[in-house]
Amino acid sequence: MKLHTLKPAEGSVKNNKRIGRGQGSGRGGTSTRGHKGAQSRSGYSQKRGFEGGQMPLQRRVPKFGFKNRNRIEYKAVNLDVIQSLADQYKESTIDVKFLSSHGVIGKNDMVKILGRGELKSKVEVSAHAFSTSAVEAIEKSGGKVTKL
């Protein structure tokens, strides 16, 4: 094998259609654009969502609902997760930094502690928000709740 003998695999390279290069090319005249109309002209670009005059989908489908732009979105962490972390790492204080360093939440997430599961160990928990059942369970097991 030498550099001057290299060539691409058979059928892998196709020649471009040479459009608008005279009648002899077979694609002269209208240059495969049909006759007249906006799409045959240069500079034509269709508006996004345009469906040929038919009522577009985004206008046919009714609007509903409401997105509150001031909503604070919390990452939910349940008591069973806290219990497993306390058992695994023999930790008595669990805070946002601890949770993020162990991959339970993201670095910038707001955390809400929820009451699913059972908490047996005495743990001091600090987070942005707590459910009432979680607060009861933590204080019942002898732990302490700190709101950030």
Protein backbone atom coordinates (compact mmCIF):
# COMPACT_ATOMS: atom_id res chain seq x y z
CA MET A 1 0.00 0.00 0.00
CA LYS A 2 1.29 3.43 -0.97
CA LEU A 3 -0.11 6.91 -0.43
CA HIS A 4 -0.82 7.45 -4.14
CA THR A 5 -2.88 4.24 -4.34
CA LEU A 6 -5.28 5.14 -1.48
CA LYS A 7 -8.89 5.81 -2.42
CA PRO A 8 -12.22 5.70 -0.58
CA ALA A 9 -14.32 2.54 -0.41
CA GLU A 10 -16.53 1.73 -3.40
CA GLY A 11 -19.88 3.55 -3.15
CA SER A 12 -18.93 5.65 -0.12
CA VAL A 13 -18.43 8.91 -2.04
CA LYS A 14 -21.20 10.43 -4.16
CA ASN A 15 -20.92 13.41 -6.47
CA ASN A 16 -23.03 16.48 -5.67
CA LYS A 17 -26.03 17.32 -7.87
CA ARG A 18 -24.90 20.17 -10.07
CA ILE A 19 -28.09 22.22 -10.09
CA GLY A 20 -28.67 25.24 -12.33
CA ARG A 21 -25.74 24.58 -14.67
CA GLY A 22 -27.58 24.68 -17.98
CA GLN A 23 -30.04 22.50 -19.89
CA GLY A 24 -27.43 19.88 -20.75
CA SER A 25 -27.05 18.97 -17.06
CA GLY A 26 -30.69 17.82 -16.90
CA ARG A 27 -31.22 20.13 -13.94
CA GLY A 28 -31.26 23.52 -15.63
CA GLY A 29 -34.35 25.69 -16.10
CA THR A 30 -36.24 25.56 -12.84
CA SER A 31 -33.32 23.84 -11.06
CA THR A 32 -35.53 21.21 -9.38
CA ARG A 33 -37.63 23.92 -7.66
CA GLY A 34 -40.84 23.52 -9.64
CA HIS A 35 -42.71 26.46 -11.22
CA LYS A 36 -43.31 29.84 -9.56
CA GLY A 37 -44.33 30.37 -5.91
CA ALA A 38 -42.34 31.42 -2.89
CA GLN A 39 -40.36 28.20 -2.68
CA SER A 40 -38.96 28.68 -6.16
CA ARG A 41 -37.51 32.12 -5.30
CA SER A 42 -34.19 32.83 -3.68
CA GLY A 43 -34.28 34.10 -0.10
CA TYR A 44 -37.39 32.08 0.72
CA SER A 45 -37.63 30.87 4.31
CA GLN A 46 -40.76 29.50 5.94
CA LYS A 47 -41.85 30.81 9.34
CA ARG A 48 -41.39 28.38 12.21
CA GLY A 49 -44.54 26.33 12.75
CA PHE A 50 -46.09 27.37 9.41
CA GLU A 51 -48.29 24.61 7.99
CA GLY A 52 -49.22 25.99 4.59
CA GLY A 53 -52.04 28.19 5.84
CA GLN A 54 -53.65 25.42 7.89
CA MET A 55 -54.11 26.43 11.54
CA PRO A 56 -50.74 25.51 13.11
CA LEU A 57 -50.51 22.93 15.88
CA GLN A 58 -49.42 25.42 18.53
CA ARG A 59 -52.61 27.44 17.87
CA ARG A 60 -54.95 24.42 17.54
CA VAL A 61 -54.00 23.00 20.93
CA PRO A 62 -55.61 24.93 23.83
CA LYS A 63 -53.53 26.73 26.43
CA PHE A 64 -53.89 25.67 30.06
CA GLY A 65 -51.99 25.65 33.32
CA PHE A 66 -49.71 28.04 35.11
CA LYS A 67 -46.01 27.99 35.92
CA ASN A 68 -45.10 29.94 39.02
CA ARG A 69 -41.80 31.64 38.28
CA ASN A 70 -41.18 32.23 42.00
CA ARG A 71 -41.49 28.56 42.93
CA ILE A 72 -38.71 27.17 45.08
CA GLU A 73 -37.90 23.62 44.06
CA TYR A 74 -36.58 21.34 46.78
CA LYS A 75 -34.74 18.06 46.42
CA ALA A 76 -36.57 15.52 48.60
CA VAL A 77 -34.54 13.43 51.03
CA ASN A 78 -36.40 10.90 53.15
CA LEU A 79 -35.64 9.68 56.67
CA ASP A 80 -34.70 6.20 55.46
CA VAL A 81 -31.89 7.76 53.37
CA ILE A 82 -30.67 9.72 56.40
CA GLN A 83 -30.79 6.55 58.53
CA SER A 84 -28.74 4.60 55.97
CA LEU A 85 -26.17 7.43 55.76
CA ALA A 86 -25.96 7.62 59.57
CA ASP A 87 -25.39 3.85 59.76
CA GLN A 88 -22.91 3.73 56.91
CA TYR A 89 -20.73 6.71 57.91
CA LYS A 90 -21.35 6.68 61.70
CA GLU A 91 -22.31 10.36 61.44
CA SER A 92 -24.34 12.27 64.07
CA THR A 93 -24.71 15.54 62.12
CA ILE A 94 -26.14 15.47 58.63
CA ASP A 95 -26.25 18.74 56.72
CA VAL A 96 -26.48 19.91 53.11
CA LYS A 97 -22.70 19.78 52.64
CA PHE A 98 -22.59 16.17 53.87
CA LEU A 99 -25.46 15.14 51.57
CA SER A 100 -23.87 16.77 48.50
CA SER A 101 -20.42 15.30 49.22
CA HIS A 102 -21.97 11.80 49.33
CA GLY A 103 -23.89 12.25 46.08
CA VAL A 104 -27.40 12.34 47.52
CA ILE A 105 -28.07 15.86 46.21
CA GLY A 106 -26.44 18.30 43.81
CA LYS A 107 -24.06 21.04 44.92
CA ASN A 108 -26.60 23.87 44.61
CA ASP A 109 -29.81 21.99 45.49
CA MET A 110 -32.27 23.14 48.14
CA VAL A 111 -33.15 20.22 50.45
CA LYS A 112 -36.42 19.22 52.07
CA ILE A 113 -36.44 16.37 54.57
CA LEU A 114 -39.52 14.14 54.25
CA GLY A 115 -40.90 11.58 56.69
CA ARG A 116 -40.79 8.29 54.75
CA GLY A 117 -39.03 5.51 56.60
CA GLU A 118 -37.89 5.06 60.18
CA LEU A 119 -35.19 6.94 62.05
CA LYS A 120 -33.58 4.97 64.88
CA SER A 121 -30.36 6.87 65.51
CA LYS A 122 -29.94 10.22 67.24
CA VAL A 123 -29.05 12.59 64.39
CA GLU A 124 -28.73 16.36 64.12
CA VAL A 125 -30.19 17.32 60.72
CA SER A 126 -29.91 20.71 59.03
CA ALA A 127 -31.73 21.47 55.78
CA HIS A 128 -33.73 24.19 54.01
CA ALA A 129 -37.16 22.71 54.79
CA PHE A 130 -38.78 19.87 56.75
CA SER A 131 -42.13 18.13 56.67
CA THR A 132 -43.97 17.99 60.00
CA SER A 133 -43.76 14.18 60.10
CA ALA A 134 -39.98 14.36 59.56
CA VAL A 135 -39.54 16.90 62.39
CA GLU A 136 -41.59 14.69 64.73
CA ALA A 137 -39.60 11.57 63.84
CA ILE A 138 -36.21 13.29 64.23
CA GLU A 139 -37.13 14.81 67.61
CA LYS A 140 -38.71 11.52 68.78
CA SER A 141 -35.42 9.69 68.15
CA GLY A 142 -33.59 12.33 70.23
CA GLY A 143 -32.18 14.30 67.30
CA LYS A 144 -32.24 18.00 66.55
CA VAL A 145 -33.68 19.94 63.59
CA THR A 146 -31.94 23.05 62.19
CA LYS A 147 -33.53 25.09 59.40
CA LEU A 148 -31.10 26.91 57.09
